[in-house]
PDB file of N, CA and C in Angstrom:
ATOM      1  N   MET A   1      -8.194 -23.020 -73.419  1.00  0.00           N
ATOM      2  CA  MET A   1      -8.628 -23.886 -72.351  1.00  0.00           C
ATOM      3  C   MET A   1      -8.589 -23.103 -71.045  1.00  0.00           C
ATOM      4  N   GLY A   2      -9.552 -23.324 -70.230  1.00  0.00           N
ATOM      5  CA  GLY A   2      -9.558 -22.724 -68.908  1.00  0.00           C
ATOM      6  C   GLY A   2      -9.560 -23.805 -67.851  1.00  0.00           C
ATOM      7  N   TRP A   3      -8.677 -23.717 -66.909  1.00  0.00           N
ATOM      8  CA  TRP A   3      -8.527 -24.749 -65.889  1.00  0.00           C
ATOM      9  C   TRP A   3      -9.071 -24.321 -64.534  1.00  0.00           C
ATOM     10  N   LYS A   4      -9.151 -23.032 -64.276  1.00  0.00           N
ATOM     11  CA  LYS A   4      -9.614 -22.526 -62.985  1.00  0.00           C
ATOM     12  C   LYS A   4     -10.915 -21.754 -63.184  1.00  0.00           C
ATOM     13  N   TRP A   5     -11.713 -21.647 -62.132  1.00  0.00           N
ATOM     14  CA  TRP A   5     -12.983 -20.931 -62.260  1.00  0.00           C
ATOM     15  C   TRP A   5     -12.760 -19.491 -62.688  1.00  0.00           C
ATOM     16  N   GLN A   6     -11.634 -18.883 -62.304  1.00  0.00           N
ATOM     17  CA  GLN A   6     -11.355 -17.508 -62.707  1.00  0.00           C
ATOM     18  C   GLN A   6     -11.260 -17.382 -64.226  1.00  0.00           C
ATOM     19  N   ASP A   7     -10.876 -18.465 -64.877  1.00  0.00           N
ATOM     20  CA  ASP A   7     -10.734 -18.435 -66.327  1.00  0.00           C
ATOM     21  C   ASP A   7     -12.080 -18.449 -67.046  1.00  0.00           C
ATOM     22  N   SER A   8     -13.158 -18.671 -66.326  1.00  0.00           N
ATOM     23  CA  SER A   8     -14.475 -18.733 -66.962  1.00  0.00           C
ATOM     24  C   SER A   8     -14.927 -17.373 -67.488  1.00  0.00           C
ATOM     25  N   VAL A   9     -14.240 -16.302 -67.128  1.00  0.00           N
ATOM     26  CA  VAL A   9     -14.636 -14.967 -67.602  1.00  0.00           C
ATOM     27  C   VAL A   9     -13.971 -14.586 -68.914  1.00  0.00           C
ATOM     28  N   ILE A  10     -13.225 -15.508 -69.521  1.00  0.00           N
ATOM     29  CA  ILE A  10     -12.540 -15.146 -70.771  1.00  0.00           C
ATOM     30  C   ILE A  10     -13.522 -14.771 -71.875  1.00  0.00           C
ATOM     31  N   TRP A  11     -14.748 -15.227 -71.796  1.00  0.00           N
ATOM     32  CA  TRP A  11     -15.724 -14.848 -72.819  1.00  0.00           C
ATOM     33  C   TRP A  11     -16.067 -13.366 -72.717  1.00  0.00           C
ATOM     34  N   ILE A  12     -15.800 -12.753 -71.562  1.00  0.00           N
ATOM     35  CA  ILE A  12     -15.999 -11.312 -71.394  1.00  0.00           C
ATOM     36  C   ILE A  12     -14.727 -10.567 -71.791  1.00  0.00           C
ATOM     37  N   THR A  13     -13.604 -11.020 -71.259  1.00  0.00           N
ATOM     38  CA  THR A  13     -12.339 -10.315 -71.467  1.00  0.00           C
ATOM     39  C   THR A  13     -11.725 -10.587 -72.831  1.00  0.00           C
ATOM     40  N   LYS A  14     -12.069 -11.721 -73.426  1.00  0.00           N
ATOM     41  CA  LYS A  14     -11.511 -12.166 -74.711  1.00  0.00           C
ATOM     42  C   LYS A  14      -9.998 -12.376 -74.624  1.00  0.00           C
ATOM     43  N   ARG A  15      -9.498 -12.599 -73.407  1.00  0.00           N
ATOM     44  CA  ARG A  15      -8.079 -12.869 -73.201  1.00  0.00           C
ATOM     45  C   ARG A  15      -7.887 -14.360 -72.952  1.00  0.00           C
ATOM     46  N   ALA A  16      -6.711 -14.832 -73.280  1.00  0.00           N
ATOM     47  CA  ALA A  16      -6.384 -16.238 -73.011  1.00  0.00           C
ATOM     48  C   ALA A  16      -6.208 -16.429 -71.513  1.00  0.00           C
ATOM     49  N   PRO A  17      -6.628 -17.578 -70.993  1.00  0.00           N
ATOM     50  CA  PRO A  17      -6.423 -17.843 -69.569  1.00  0.00           C
ATOM     51  C   PRO A  17      -4.939 -17.996 -69.256  1.00  0.00           C
ATOM     52  N   ASP A  18      -4.574 -17.755 -68.021  1.00  0.00           N
ATOM     53  CA  ASP A  18      -3.187 -17.889 -67.578  1.00  0.00           C
ATOM     54  C   ASP A  18      -2.946 -19.350 -67.207  1.00  0.00           C
ATOM     55  N   GLU A  19      -2.999 -20.206 -68.188  1.00  0.00           N
ATOM     56  CA  GLU A  19      -2.890 -21.653 -68.009  1.00  0.00           C
ATOM     57  C   GLU A  19      -2.170 -22.250 -69.209  1.00  0.00           C
ATOM     58  N   PRO A  20      -1.749 -23.513 -69.090  1.00  0.00           N
ATOM     59  CA  PRO A  20      -1.139 -24.173 -70.254  1.00  0.00           C
ATOM     60  C   PRO A  20      -2.120 -24.184 -71.430  1.00  0.00           C
ATOM     61  N   SER A  21      -1.596 -24.029 -72.625  1.00  0.00           N
ATOM     62  CA  SER A  21      -2.451 -24.044 -73.806  1.00  0.00           C
ATOM     63  C   SER A  21      -1.691 -24.650 -74.978  1.00  0.00           C
ATOM     64  N   PHE A  22      -2.391 -24.824 -76.080  1.00  0.00           N
ATOM     65  CA  PHE A  22      -1.779 -25.319 -77.307  1.00  0.00           C
ATOM     66  C   PHE A  22      -2.530 -24.713 -78.474  1.00  0.00           C
ATOM     67  N   MET A  23      -1.919 -24.747 -79.629  1.00  0.00           N
ATOM     68  CA  MET A  23      -2.546 -24.244 -80.839  1.00  0.00           C
ATOM     69  C   MET A  23      -3.032 -25.444 -81.653  1.00  0.00           C
ATOM     70  N   VAL A  24      -4.311 -25.503 -81.915  1.00  0.00           N
ATOM     71  CA  VAL A  24      -4.896 -26.622 -82.649  1.00  0.00           C
ATOM     72  C   VAL A  24      -4.257 -26.761 -84.020  1.00  0.00           C
ATOM     73  N   GLU A  25      -3.981 -25.622 -84.677  1.00  0.00           N
ATOM     74  CA  GLU A  25      -3.397 -25.711 -86.019  1.00  0.00           C
ATOM     75  C   GLU A  25      -2.036 -26.393 -86.021  1.00  0.00           C
ATOM     76  N   ASP A  26      -1.365 -26.441 -84.866  1.00  0.00           N
ATOM     77  CA  ASP A  26      -0.068 -27.117 -84.781  1.00  0.00           C
ATOM     78  C   ASP A  26      -0.187 -28.631 -84.712  1.00  0.00           C
ATOM     79  N   ILE A  27      -1.361 -29.133 -84.339  1.00  0.00           N
ATOM     80  CA  ILE A  27      -1.502 -30.582 -84.140  1.00  0.00           C
ATOM     81  C   ILE A  27      -2.597 -31.232 -84.972  1.00  0.00           C
ATOM     82  N   ILE A  28      -3.448 -30.454 -85.612  1.00  0.00           N
ATOM     83  CA  ILE A  28      -4.638 -31.024 -86.262  1.00  0.00           C
ATOM     84  C   ILE A  28      -4.278 -32.044 -87.347  1.00  0.00           C
ATOM     85  N   GLU A  29      -3.165 -31.862 -88.020  1.00  0.00           N
ATOM     86  CA  GLU A  29      -2.773 -32.811 -89.066  1.00  0.00           C
ATOM     87  C   GLU A  29      -2.294 -34.135 -88.486  1.00  0.00           C
ATOM     88  N   LYS A  30      -1.988 -34.150 -87.190  1.00  0.00           N
ATOM     89  CA  LYS A  30      -1.431 -35.344 -86.547  1.00  0.00           C
ATOM     90  C   LYS A  30      -2.462 -36.161 -85.780  1.00  0.00           C
ATOM     91  N   VAL A  31      -3.698 -35.724 -85.739  1.00  0.00           N
ATOM     92  CA  VAL A  31      -4.728 -36.390 -84.951  1.00  0.00           C
ATOM     93  C   VAL A  31      -5.079 -37.763 -85.520  1.00  0.00           C
ATOM     94  N   SER A  32      -5.128 -37.860 -86.826  1.00  0.00           N
ATOM     95  CA  SER A  32      -5.467 -39.120 -87.495  1.00  0.00           C
ATOM     96  C   SER A  32      -4.484 -40.200 -87.067  1.00  0.00           C
ATOM     97  N   PRO A  33      -4.941 -41.409 -86.833  1.00  0.00           N
ATOM     98  CA  PRO A  33      -6.217 -42.015 -87.233  1.00  0.00           C
ATOM     99  C   PRO A  33      -7.345 -41.857 -86.217  1.00  0.00           C
ATOM    100  N   VAL A  34      -7.149 -41.083 -85.168  1.00  0.00           N
ATOM    101  CA  VAL A  34      -8.235 -40.829 -84.222  1.00  0.00           C
ATOM    102  C   VAL A  34      -9.278 -39.963 -84.921  1.00  0.00           C
ATOM    103  N   PRO A  35     -10.555 -40.314 -84.838  1.00  0.00           N
ATOM    104  CA  PRO A  35     -11.595 -39.516 -85.493  1.00  0.00           C
ATOM    105  C   PRO A  35     -11.643 -38.097 -84.934  1.00  0.00           C
ATOM    106  N   LEU A  36     -11.857 -37.148 -85.820  1.00  0.00           N
ATOM    107  CA  LEU A  36     -11.980 -35.744 -85.430  1.00  0.00           C
ATOM    108  C   LEU A  36     -13.410 -35.300 -85.693  1.00  0.00           C
ATOM    109  N   ALA A  37     -14.114 -34.957 -84.634  1.00  0.00           N
ATOM    110  CA  ALA A  37     -15.474 -34.435 -84.732  1.00  0.00           C
ATOM    111  C   ALA A  37     -15.435 -32.965 -84.346  1.00  0.00           C
ATOM    112  N   GLU A  38     -15.725 -32.091 -85.280  1.00  0.00           N
ATOM    113  CA  GLU A  38     -15.710 -30.642 -85.056  1.00  0.00           C
ATOM    114  C   GLU A  38     -17.142 -30.146 -85.030  1.00  0.00           C
ATOM    115  N   ILE A  39     -17.533 -29.525 -83.935  1.00  0.00           N
ATOM    116  CA  ILE A  39     -18.853 -28.904 -83.822  1.00  0.00           C
ATOM    117  C   ILE A  39     -18.598 -27.422 -83.634  1.00  0.00           C
ATOM    118  N   HIS A  40     -19.093 -26.617 -84.563  1.00  0.00           N
ATOM    119  CA  HIS A  40     -18.733 -25.204 -84.559  1.00  0.00           C
ATOM    120  C   HIS A  40     -19.954 -24.307 -84.681  1.00  0.00           C
ATOM    121  N   SER A  41     -19.915 -23.211 -83.959  1.00  0.00           N
ATOM    122  CA  SER A  41     -20.976 -22.208 -84.012  1.00  0.00           C
ATOM    123  C   SER A  41     -20.749 -21.267 -85.200  1.00  0.00           C
ATOM    124  N   THR A  42     -21.825 -20.860 -85.824  1.00  0.00           N
ATOM    125  CA  THR A  42     -21.719 -19.929 -86.948  1.00  0.00           C
ATOM    126  C   THR A  42     -21.204 -18.559 -86.522  1.00  0.00           C
ATOM    127  N   HIS A  43     -21.361 -18.214 -85.262  1.00  0.00           N
ATOM    128  CA  HIS A  43     -20.935 -16.895 -84.778  1.00  0.00           C
ATOM    129  C   HIS A  43     -19.987 -17.020 -83.586  1.00  0.00           C
ATOM    130  N   ASP A  44     -19.064 -17.965 -83.682  1.00  0.00           N
ATOM    131  CA  ASP A  44     -18.058 -18.152 -82.631  1.00  0.00           C
ATOM    132  C   ASP A  44     -17.181 -16.906 -82.559  1.00  0.00           C
ATOM    133  N   GLU A  45     -17.103 -16.310 -81.379  1.00  0.00           N
ATOM    134  CA  GLU A  45     -16.331 -15.080 -81.235  1.00  0.00           C
ATOM    135  C   GLU A  45     -14.831 -15.318 -81.089  1.00  0.00           C
ATOM    136  N   PHE A  46     -14.434 -16.568 -80.882  1.00  0.00           N
ATOM    137  CA  PHE A  46     -13.017 -16.882 -80.742  1.00  0.00           C
ATOM    138  C   PHE A  46     -12.400 -17.375 -82.049  1.00  0.00           C
ATOM    139  N   LEU A  47     -13.171 -18.108 -82.843  1.00  0.00           N
ATOM    140  CA  LEU A  47     -12.670 -18.630 -84.115  1.00  0.00           C
ATOM    141  C   LEU A  47     -13.769 -18.499 -85.170  1.00  0.00           C
ATOM    142  N   PRO A  48     -13.639 -17.532 -86.055  1.00  0.00           N
ATOM    143  CA  PRO A  48     -14.655 -17.356 -87.103  1.00  0.00           C
ATOM    144  C   PRO A  48     -14.812 -18.632 -87.939  1.00  0.00           C
ATOM    145  N   ILE A  49     -16.010 -18.834 -88.442  1.00  0.00           N
ATOM    146  CA  ILE A  49     -16.342 -20.063 -89.165  1.00  0.00           C
ATOM    147  C   ILE A  49     -15.420 -20.295 -90.360  1.00  0.00           C
ATOM    148  N   GLU A  50     -15.068 -19.266 -91.087  1.00  0.00           N
ATOM    149  CA  GLU A  50     -14.188 -19.462 -92.249  1.00  0.00           C
ATOM    150  C   GLU A  50     -12.809 -19.956 -91.822  1.00  0.00           C
ATOM    151  N   GLN A  51     -12.303 -19.431 -90.725  1.00  0.00           N
ATOM    152  CA  GLN A  51     -11.019 -19.900 -90.202  1.00  0.00           C
ATOM    153  C   GLN A  51     -11.131 -21.351 -89.740  1.00  0.00           C
ATOM    154  N   ALA A  52     -12.241 -21.683 -89.107  1.00  0.00           N
ATOM    155  CA  ALA A  52     -12.455 -23.056 -88.645  1.00  0.00           C
ATOM    156  C   ALA A  52     -12.474 -24.026 -89.820  1.00  0.00           C
ATOM    157  N   LYS A  53     -13.111 -23.633 -90.912  1.00  0.00           N
ATOM    158  CA  LYS A  53     -13.166 -24.490 -92.098  1.00  0.00           C
ATOM    159  C   LYS A  53     -11.782 -24.710 -92.697  1.00  0.00           C
ATOM    160  N   VAL A  54     -10.977 -23.657 -92.744  1.00  0.00           N
ATOM    161  CA  VAL A  54      -9.612 -23.774 -93.276  1.00  0.00           C
ATOM    162  C   VAL A  54      -8.797 -24.716 -92.403  1.00  0.00           C
ATOM    163  N   MET A  55      -8.892 -24.549 -91.095  1.00  0.00           N
ATOM    164  CA  MET A  55      -8.149 -25.407 -90.185  1.00  0.00           C
ATOM    165  C   MET A  55      -8.635 -26.858 -90.290  1.00  0.00           C
ATOM    166  N   PHE A  56      -9.946 -27.058 -90.345  1.00  0.00           N
ATOM    167  CA  PHE A  56     -10.514 -28.400 -90.452  1.00  0.00           C
ATOM    168  C   PHE A  56     -10.056 -29.093 -91.728  1.00  0.00           C
ATOM    169  N   ALA A  57      -9.905 -28.347 -92.798  1.00  0.00           N
ATOM    170  CA  ALA A  57      -9.467 -28.923 -94.072  1.00  0.00           C
ATOM    171  C   ALA A  57      -8.063 -29.523 -93.964  1.00  0.00           C
ATOM    172  N   ARG A  58      -7.268 -29.038 -93.038  1.00  0.00           N
ATOM    173  CA  ARG A  58      -5.907 -29.547 -92.853  1.00  0.00           C
ATOM    174  C   ARG A  58      -5.886 -30.916 -92.168  1.00  0.00           C
ATOM    175  N   ALA A  59      -6.955 -31.263 -91.492  1.00  0.00           N
ATOM    176  CA  ALA A  59      -7.019 -32.546 -90.782  1.00  0.00           C
ATOM    177  C   ALA A  59      -7.170 -33.687 -91.780  1.00  0.00           C
ATOM    178  N   ARG A  60      -6.682 -34.838 -91.381  1.00  0.00           N
ATOM    179  CA  ARG A  60      -6.829 -36.039 -92.211  1.00  0.00           C
ATOM    180  C   ARG A  60      -8.066 -36.811 -91.782  1.00  0.00           C
ATOM    181  N   ASP A  61      -8.521 -37.688 -92.625  1.00  0.00           N
ATOM    182  CA  ASP A  61      -9.655 -38.562 -92.293  1.00  0.00           C
ATOM    183  C   ASP A  61      -9.240 -39.574 -91.243  1.00  0.00           C
ATOM    184  N   PRO A  62     -10.184 -40.027 -90.457  1.00  0.00           N
ATOM    185  CA  PRO A  62     -11.615 -39.710 -90.499  1.00  0.00           C
ATOM    186  C   PRO A  62     -11.905 -38.395 -89.780  1.00  0.00           C
ATOM    187  N   LYS A  63     -12.736 -37.598 -90.407  1.00  0.00           N
ATOM    188  CA  LYS A  63     -13.111 -36.316 -89.833  1.00  0.00           C
ATOM    189  C   LYS A  63     -14.514 -35.953 -90.299  1.00  0.00           C
ATOM    190  N   ARG A  64     -15.185 -35.170 -89.471  1.00  0.00           N
ATOM    191  CA  ARG A  64     -16.510 -34.686 -89.837  1.00  0.00           C
ATOM    192  C   ARG A  64     -16.776 -33.398 -89.078  1.00  0.00           C
ATOM    193  N   MET A  65     -17.404 -32.453 -89.758  1.00  0.00           N
ATOM    194  CA  MET A  65     -17.697 -31.149 -89.159  1.00  0.00           C
ATOM    195  C   MET A  65     -19.193 -30.895 -89.143  1.00  0.00           C
ATOM    196  N   TRP A  66     -19.675 -30.425 -88.010  1.00  0.00           N
ATOM    197  CA  TRP A  66     -21.055 -29.995 -87.852  1.00  0.00           C
ATOM    198  C   TRP A  66     -21.034 -28.497 -87.588  1.00  0.00           C
ATOM    199  N   ILE A  67     -21.843 -27.752 -88.318  1.00  0.00           N
ATOM    200  CA  ILE A  67     -21.943 -26.304 -88.121  1.00  0.00           C
ATOM    201  C   ILE A  67     -23.346 -26.007 -87.613  1.00  0.00           C
ATOM    202  N   ILE A  68     -23.396 -25.316 -86.493  1.00  0.00           N
ATOM    203  CA  ILE A  68     -24.673 -25.017 -85.845  1.00  0.00           C
ATOM    204  C   ILE A  68     -24.908 -23.519 -85.850  1.00  0.00           C
ATOM    205  N   GLU A  69     -26.083 -23.114 -86.297  1.00  0.00           N
ATOM    206  CA  GLU A  69     -26.467 -21.702 -86.240  1.00  0.00           C
ATOM    207  C   GLU A  69     -26.628 -21.328 -84.769  1.00  0.00           C
ATOM    208  N   ALA A  70     -25.708 -20.490 -84.290  1.00  0.00           N
ATOM    209  CA  ALA A  70     -25.731 -20.063 -82.895  1.00  0.00           C
ATOM    210  C   ALA A  70     -25.057 -18.705 -82.772  1.00  0.00           C
ATOM    211  N   VAL A  71     -25.403 -17.975 -81.725  1.00  0.00           N
ATOM    212  CA  VAL A  71     -24.950 -16.591 -81.577  1.00  0.00           C
ATOM    213  C   VAL A  71     -23.543 -16.438 -81.014  1.00  0.00           C
ATOM    214  N   ASN A  72     -22.967 -17.522 -80.461  1.00  0.00           N
ATOM    215  CA  ASN A  72     -21.643 -17.373 -79.856  1.00  0.00           C
ATOM    216  C   ASN A  72     -20.954 -18.732 -79.682  1.00  0.00           C
ATOM    217  N   HIS A  73     -19.769 -18.681 -79.114  1.00  0.00           N
ATOM    218  CA  HIS A  73     -18.947 -19.862 -78.871  1.00  0.00           C
ATOM    219  C   HIS A  73     -19.651 -20.867 -77.953  1.00  0.00           C
ATOM    220  N   ARG A  74     -20.498 -20.372 -77.084  1.00  0.00           N
ATOM    221  CA  ARG A  74     -21.198 -21.208 -76.104  1.00  0.00           C
ATOM    222  C   ARG A  74     -22.523 -21.763 -76.627  1.00  0.00           C
ATOM    223  N   PHE A  75     -22.869 -21.469 -77.857  1.00  0.00           N
ATOM    224  CA  PHE A  75     -24.129 -21.942 -78.464  1.00  0.00           C
ATOM    225  C   PHE A  75     -25.331 -21.516 -77.614  1.00  0.00           C
ATOM    226  N   SER A  76     -25.238 -20.337 -77.001  1.00  0.00           N
ATOM    227  CA  SER A  76     -26.224 -19.893 -76.002  1.00  0.00           C
ATOM    228  C   SER A  76     -27.675 -19.999 -76.453  1.00  0.00           C
ATOM    229  N   ASN A  77     -27.944 -19.672 -77.687  1.00  0.00           N
ATOM    230  CA  ASN A  77     -29.331 -19.674 -78.152  1.00  0.00           C
ATOM    231  C   ASN A  77     -29.725 -20.980 -78.851  1.00  0.00           C
ATOM    232  N   ASN A  78     -28.842 -21.970 -78.850  1.00  0.00           N
ATOM    233  CA  ASN A  78     -29.157 -23.196 -79.587  1.00  0.00           C
ATOM    234  C   ASN A  78     -28.529 -24.429 -78.919  1.00  0.00           C
ATOM    235  N   ARG A  79     -28.672 -24.515 -77.621  1.00  0.00           N
ATOM    236  CA  ARG A  79     -28.082 -25.631 -76.871  1.00  0.00           C
ATOM    237  C   ARG A  79     -28.720 -26.975 -77.238  1.00  0.00           C
ATOM    238  N   GLU A  80     -29.989 -26.957 -77.569  1.00  0.00           N
ATOM    239  CA  GLU A  80     -30.652 -28.215 -77.949  1.00  0.00           C
ATOM    240  C   GLU A  80     -30.012 -28.803 -79.207  1.00  0.00           C
ATOM    241  N   GLU A  81     -29.737 -27.944 -80.171  1.00  0.00           N
ATOM    242  CA  GLU A  81     -29.077 -28.416 -81.399  1.00  0.00           C
ATOM    243  C   GLU A  81     -27.664 -28.905 -81.081  1.00  0.00           C
ATOM    244  N   LEU A  82     -26.965 -28.211 -80.201  1.00  0.00           N
ATOM    245  CA  LEU A  82     -25.637 -28.655 -79.783  1.00  0.00           C
ATOM    246  C   LEU A  82     -25.717 -30.041 -79.165  1.00  0.00           C
ATOM    247  N   ASP A  83     -26.669 -30.263 -78.294  1.00  0.00           N
ATOM    248  CA  ASP A  83     -26.833 -31.585 -77.671  1.00  0.00           C
ATOM    249  C   ASP A  83     -27.082 -32.665 -78.719  1.00  0.00           C
ATOM    250  N   ARG A  84     -27.948 -32.364 -79.684  1.00  0.00           N
ATOM    251  CA  ARG A  84     -28.241 -33.340 -80.741  1.00  0.00           C
ATOM    252  C   ARG A  84     -26.992 -33.662 -81.556  1.00  0.00           C
ATOM    253  N   ARG A  85     -26.260 -32.633 -81.925  1.00  0.00           N
ATOM    254  CA  ARG A  85     -25.053 -32.833 -82.740  1.00  0.00           C
ATOM    255  C   ARG A  85     -23.955 -33.545 -81.959  1.00  0.00           C
ATOM    256  N   MET A  86     -23.851 -33.291 -80.665  1.00  0.00           N
ATOM    257  CA  MET A  86     -22.859 -34.009 -79.854  1.00  0.00           C
ATOM    258  C   MET A  86     -23.171 -35.502 -79.825  1.00  0.00           C
ATOM    259  N   LEU A  87     -24.449 -35.833 -79.649  1.00  0.00           N
ATOM    260  CA  LEU A  87     -24.842 -37.239 -79.669  1.00  0.00           C
ATOM    261  C   LEU A  87     -24.592 -37.853 -81.041  1.00  0.00           C
ATOM    262  N   GLU A  88     -24.885 -37.106 -82.088  1.00  0.00           N
ATOM    263  CA  GLU A  88     -24.635 -37.577 -83.453  1.00  0.00           C
ATOM    264  C   GLU A  88     -23.143 -37.805 -83.679  1.00  0.00           C
ATOM    265  N   ALA A  89     -22.317 -36.898 -83.190  1.00  0.00           N
ATOM    266  CA  ALA A  89     -20.866 -37.042 -83.338  1.00  0.00           C
ATOM    267  C   ALA A  89     -20.359 -38.269 -82.593  1.00  0.00           C
ATOM    268  N   LEU A  90     -20.853 -38.488 -81.391  1.00  0.00           N
ATOM    269  CA  LEU A  90     -20.441 -39.676 -80.627  1.00  0.00           C
ATOM    270  C   LEU A  90     -20.869 -40.962 -81.327  1.00  0.00           C
ATOM    271  N   GLU A  91     -22.056 -40.955 -81.900  1.00  0.00           N
ATOM    272  CA  GLU A  91     -22.540 -42.125 -82.644  1.00  0.00           C
ATOM    273  C   GLU A  91     -21.680 -42.356 -83.883  1.00  0.00           C
ATOM    274  N   TRP A  92     -21.309 -41.289 -84.579  1.00  0.00           N
ATOM    275  CA  TRP A  92     -20.442 -41.388 -85.752  1.00  0.00           C
ATOM    276  C   TRP A  92     -19.106 -42.019 -85.367  1.00  0.00           C
ATOM    277  N   ILE A  93     -18.524 -41.563 -84.274  1.00  0.00           N
ATOM    278  CA  ILE A  93     -17.250 -42.121 -83.816  1.00  0.00           C
ATOM    279  C   ILE A  93     -17.422 -43.584 -83.431  1.00  0.00           C
ATOM    280  N   LYS A  94     -18.472 -43.895 -82.732  1.00  0.00           N
ATOM    281  CA  LYS A  94     -18.745 -45.277 -82.324  1.00  0.00           C
ATOM    282  C   LYS A  94     -18.866 -46.188 -83.545  1.00  0.00           C
ATOM    283  N   ASN A  95     -19.565 -45.731 -84.571  1.00  0.00           N
ATOM    284  CA  ASN A  95     -19.756 -46.545 -85.778  1.00  0.00           C
ATOM    285  C   ASN A  95     -18.463 -46.746 -86.542  1.00  0.00           C
ATOM    286  N   LEU A  96     -17.534 -45.819 -86.449  1.00  0.00           N
ATOM    287  CA  LEU A  96     -16.245 -45.984 -87.107  1.00  0.00           C
ATOM    288  C   LEU A  96     -15.441 -47.118 -86.483  1.00  0.00           C
ATOM    289  N   ARG A  97     -15.648 -47.349 -85.220  1.00  0.00           N
ATOM    290  CA  ARG A  97     -14.883 -48.356 -84.489  1.00  0.00           C
ATOM    291  C   ARG A  97     -15.412 -49.769 -84.723  1.00  0.00           C
ATOM    292  N   GLN A  98     -16.589 -49.900 -85.326  1.00  0.00           N
ATOM    293  CA  GLN A  98     -17.183 -51.234 -85.522  1.00  0.00           C
ATOM    294  C   GLN A  98     -16.768 -51.856 -86.823  1.00  0.00           C
TER     295      GLN A  98
END
């Protein structure tokens, strides 16, 4: 997580920001019953897709994962697909609540 504008360069430095942080693997099993929507890039430079799948498998239902073919963590070459999947994820969560 980056909290200050200076932290926006972590995609260049590949260093963690000097801010509070947490490890998702420490809490992912505890998220339920809150729905977990994971949208992941195929070429995320911070968390490889195989690692993301292993971590996602540890989560309890309800959960759903969307994988988007993209060149990096920011989905730089496929923002339209990211937008579509974000809307789909929000709709999925909304439908769970009904």
